[in-house]
């Protein structure tokens, strides 16, 4: 069947009525070196160097489901995410990465759909609220329902991308979630995005005008 086919089948099973409650996936015992070898890169140095790559910030949300054993009442799910990316134009696909031990991911998996909310420069506090585990992340947050999935579409964001889970792949201690885009939209105003760099938020400052000589992600 292949990895993509198995992932798609797993997603379909998670969305079926016969599927058991989805639990957080434990961190795998994966090694890229032998037991008697020193790891080529330390985790602290890995974080320090990769922190130089600035990313945008988004909040991934999903609608409430009735089969969440951990929730006293159906409630939407959401978490702050800096590992979101466009993936494919034809078909339109996006992707985000989530830790295998995330407590929010099983709720998104049960829903089978999600909405990516791209945050603006003034939404740092909103991002912090969705980065906290175990809290009522939607308390005091304005949102409506995304048109295709019904996932929370947060107010004041730069853009939203409404998706169905297309495939899930393993990636070390994370999962790579691929979404098929069903609907999307963006603000008309030229408002700067929220950026994350070296452990802190930054605001973008444009340095040039006009189109780039390449398409990001095209491999040009």
Protein backbone atom coordinates (compact mmCIF):
# COMPACT_ATOMS: atom_id res chain seq x y z
CA UNK A 1 0.00 0.00 0.00
CA UNK A 2 2.91 2.37 0.68
CA UNK A 3 3.37 4.93 3.46
CA UNK A 4 0.94 7.47 1.99
CA UNK A 5 -1.75 4.84 1.50
CA UNK A 6 -1.33 3.46 5.01
CA UNK A 7 -1.50 6.97 6.50
CA UNK A 8 -4.65 7.77 4.53
CA UNK A 9 -6.23 4.49 5.68
CA UNK A 10 -5.32 5.30 9.28
CA UNK A 11 -6.96 8.71 8.99
CA UNK A 12 -10.12 7.17 7.55
CA UNK A 13 -10.18 4.69 10.43
CA UNK A 14 -9.74 7.45 13.02
CA UNK A 15 -12.78 9.21 11.56
CA UNK A 16 -14.94 6.07 11.52
CA UNK A 17 -17.55 5.25 14.15
CA UNK A 18 -15.72 2.01 15.08
CA UNK A 19 -12.45 3.69 15.97
CA UNK A 20 -11.47 3.68 19.68
CA UNK A 21 -10.54 6.96 21.43
CA UNK A 22 -7.28 8.35 20.06
CA UNK A 23 -4.53 8.56 22.66
CA UNK A 24 -1.33 10.59 22.53
CA UNK A 25 1.36 8.67 20.63
CA UNK A 26 4.40 7.92 22.83
CA UNK A 27 7.79 9.16 21.80
CA UNK A 28 9.42 6.47 19.66
CA UNK A 29 12.72 4.83 20.50
CA UNK A 30 14.30 5.86 17.20
CA UNK A 31 18.04 6.33 16.75
CA UNK A 32 20.06 7.53 13.79
CA UNK A 33 23.29 6.24 15.34
CA UNK A 34 24.24 3.02 17.03
CA UNK A 35 23.85 2.48 20.77
CA UNK A 36 27.63 2.69 21.16
CA UNK A 37 27.97 5.91 19.13
CA UNK A 38 27.72 9.50 20.30
CA UNK A 39 24.87 11.46 18.73
CA UNK A 40 26.38 13.73 16.03
CA UNK A 41 24.33 16.75 17.14
CA UNK A 42 23.32 17.67 20.68
CA UNK A 43 19.74 18.79 21.31
CA UNK A 44 20.78 22.14 22.81
CA UNK A 45 22.98 22.98 19.82
CA UNK A 46 20.27 21.81 17.43
CA UNK A 47 17.77 24.21 19.06
CA UNK A 48 20.27 27.08 19.07
CA UNK A 49 21.17 26.80 15.40
CA UNK A 50 17.68 26.09 14.08
CA UNK A 51 16.38 29.04 16.10
CA UNK A 52 18.04 31.31 13.53
CA UNK A 53 15.37 30.33 11.01
CA UNK A 54 12.47 32.75 11.45
CA UNK A 55 9.00 31.31 10.98
CA UNK A 56 5.47 32.55 10.86
CA UNK A 57 3.08 31.65 13.67
CA UNK A 58 -0.35 30.06 13.36
CA UNK A 59 -3.03 28.52 15.56
CA UNK A 60 -4.38 25.18 14.36
CA UNK A 61 -7.98 24.59 15.47
CA UNK A 62 -10.56 21.82 15.15
CA UNK A 63 -14.27 21.62 16.00
CA UNK A 64 -15.62 19.92 19.11
CA UNK A 65 -16.40 16.22 18.90
CA UNK A 66 -18.75 14.21 21.11
CA UNK A 67 -16.33 11.31 21.64
CA UNK A 68 -13.59 13.06 23.63
CA UNK A 69 -13.15 11.03 26.85
CA UNK A 70 -11.02 13.76 28.46
CA UNK A 71 -13.51 16.62 28.05
CA UNK A 72 -16.48 17.11 30.42
CA UNK A 73 -18.39 18.68 27.52
CA UNK A 74 -17.67 18.95 23.80
CA UNK A 75 -15.20 21.79 23.20
CA UNK A 76 -13.07 22.89 20.25
CA UNK A 77 -9.35 22.12 20.14
CA UNK A 78 -6.42 24.34 19.24
CA UNK A 79 -2.68 24.78 19.63
CA UNK A 80 -0.02 27.32 18.62
CA UNK A 81 2.09 26.12 15.71
CA UNK A 82 5.22 27.49 14.05
CA UNK A 83 5.80 24.48 11.80
CA UNK A 84 3.07 25.15 9.24
CA UNK A 85 3.86 25.18 5.52
CA UNK A 86 2.26 25.09 2.11
CA UNK A 87 2.99 21.75 0.45
CA UNK A 88 1.35 21.35 -2.97
CA UNK A 89 -0.51 23.42 -5.54
CA UNK A 90 -2.05 20.51 -7.43
CA UNK A 91 -3.79 19.23 -5.42
CA UNK A 92 -3.84 22.06 -2.86
CA UNK A 93 -2.17 20.64 0.25
CA UNK A 94 -0.66 22.13 3.40
CA UNK A 95 1.20 20.53 6.29
CA UNK A 96 2.00 21.09 9.93
CA UNK A 97 4.12 19.21 12.45
CA UNK A 98 2.95 18.30 15.95
CA UNK A 99 4.68 16.51 18.81
CA UNK A 100 3.74 12.84 19.16
CA UNK A 101 2.92 13.38 22.85
CA UNK A 102 0.64 16.38 22.20
CA UNK A 103 -2.66 16.20 24.10
CA UNK A 104 -4.39 18.41 21.51
CA UNK A 105 -3.48 16.35 18.43
CA UNK A 106 -5.72 13.36 19.34
CA UNK A 107 -8.72 15.73 19.45
CA UNK A 108 -7.85 17.09 16.00
CA UNK A 109 -7.38 13.54 14.72
CA UNK A 110 -10.82 12.58 16.01
CA UNK A 111 -12.38 15.57 14.22
CA UNK A 112 -10.61 14.67 10.96
CA UNK A 113 -10.51 18.35 9.95
CA UNK A 114 -8.70 21.51 11.00
CA UNK A 115 -8.31 25.22 10.28
CA UNK A 116 -4.96 27.04 10.21
CA UNK A 117 -5.23 30.61 11.52
CA UNK A 118 -2.23 32.74 10.44
CA UNK A 119 -1.54 35.28 13.18
CA UNK A 120 -0.86 38.98 12.69
CA UNK A 121 1.90 40.95 14.42
CA UNK A 122 -0.45 42.13 17.19
CA UNK A 123 -1.60 38.65 18.21
CA UNK A 124 1.34 37.57 20.36
CA UNK A 125 -0.82 37.20 23.47
CA UNK A 126 -3.31 35.09 21.55
CA UNK A 127 -0.45 32.82 20.50
CA UNK A 128 0.73 32.48 24.12
CA UNK A 129 -2.78 31.52 25.21
CA UNK A 130 -2.88 28.66 22.71
CA UNK A 131 0.63 27.52 23.68
CA UNK A 132 -0.49 26.66 27.23
CA UNK A 133 -1.39 23.03 27.88
CA UNK A 134 -4.51 22.15 29.83
CA UNK A 135 -6.09 25.62 29.93
CA UNK A 136 -9.36 26.81 28.41
CA UNK A 137 -7.64 28.22 25.34
CA UNK A 138 -10.83 29.66 23.82
CA UNK A 139 -11.88 31.68 26.88
CA UNK A 140 -12.52 35.25 25.75
CA UNK A 141 -11.43 34.48 22.17
CA UNK A 142 -13.66 35.67 19.31
CA UNK A 143 -14.21 33.21 16.48
CA UNK A 144 -16.75 31.87 14.05
CA UNK A 145 -17.03 28.57 12.17
CA UNK A 146 -14.85 27.96 9.12
CA UNK A 147 -17.12 27.24 6.13
CA UNK A 148 -16.02 23.72 5.22
CA UNK A 149 -14.97 22.08 8.49
CA UNK A 150 -16.72 24.13 11.15
CA UNK A 151 -13.36 24.57 12.92
CA UNK A 152 -12.89 27.80 14.90
CA UNK A 153 -11.84 30.63 12.61
CA UNK A 154 -10.20 33.17 14.91
CA UNK A 155 -11.01 36.85 14.57
CA UNK A 156 -8.33 39.30 13.44
CA UNK A 157 -6.00 36.81 11.78
CA UNK A 158 -4.20 37.49 8.52
CA UNK A 159 -5.45 34.35 6.78
CA UNK A 160 -7.28 31.09 7.36
CA UNK A 161 -6.97 27.73 5.62
CA UNK A 162 -9.79 25.22 6.12
CA UNK A 163 -8.70 21.60 5.65
CA UNK A 164 -9.53 17.91 5.80
CA UNK A 165 -6.81 15.59 7.12
CA UNK A 166 -5.33 13.91 4.06
CA UNK A 167 -2.42 11.88 5.50
CA UNK A 168 -0.28 11.53 8.62
CA UNK A 169 3.40 10.55 8.52
CA UNK A 170 5.87 9.86 11.31
CA UNK A 171 8.88 12.15 11.66
CA UNK A 172 10.97 11.16 14.66
CA UNK A 173 9.37 12.58 17.81
CA UNK A 174 6.80 14.49 15.70
CA UNK A 175 3.97 13.69 13.31
CA UNK A 176 3.69 15.32 9.88
CA UNK A 177 0.02 16.10 9.22
CA UNK A 178 -0.99 16.78 5.61
CA UNK A 179 -4.25 18.61 4.98
CA UNK A 180 -6.32 18.94 1.82
CA UNK A 181 -7.43 22.56 1.45
CA UNK A 182 -11.21 22.89 1.12
CA UNK A 183 -11.56 26.67 1.61
CA UNK A 184 -9.35 29.63 2.48
CA UNK A 185 -9.27 33.39 2.73
CA UNK A 186 -7.13 36.37 3.75
CA UNK A 187 -7.39 39.99 4.83
CA UNK A 188 -7.22 42.63 2.14
CA UNK A 189 -5.19 44.94 4.40
CA UNK A 190 -1.38 44.90 4.15
CA UNK A 191 -0.79 43.95 7.79
CA UNK A 192 2.51 42.46 9.03
CA UNK A 193 2.61 38.85 10.29
CA UNK A 194 3.69 37.56 13.67
CA UNK A 195 7.15 36.01 13.42
CA UNK A 196 9.08 33.75 15.79
CA UNK A 197 12.88 33.93 15.93
CA UNK A 198 15.35 32.76 18.59
CA UNK A 199 12.62 32.16 21.13
CA UNK A 200 10.85 35.51 20.81
CA UNK A 201 8.26 37.25 18.66
CA UNK A 202 9.29 39.69 15.94
CA UNK A 203 7.45 41.99 13.54
CA UNK A 204 8.31 41.85 9.86
CA UNK A 205 9.68 44.92 8.13
CA UNK A 206 9.47 44.87 4.31
CA UNK A 207 12.78 45.54 2.56
CA UNK A 208 11.70 45.26 -1.06
CA UNK A 209 8.68 45.54 -3.29
CA UNK A 210 7.54 43.44 -6.21
CA UNK A 211 7.38 39.69 -6.73
CA UNK A 212 10.18 37.34 -5.74
CA UNK A 213 12.16 35.79 -8.62
CA UNK A 214 11.06 32.33 -7.40
CA UNK A 215 8.09 30.63 -5.83
CA UNK A 216 8.74 29.63 -2.16
CA UNK A 217 8.80 25.87 -1.85
CA UNK A 218 9.20 25.32 -5.57
CA UNK A 219 12.77 24.07 -5.33
CA UNK A 220 13.94 26.66 -7.86
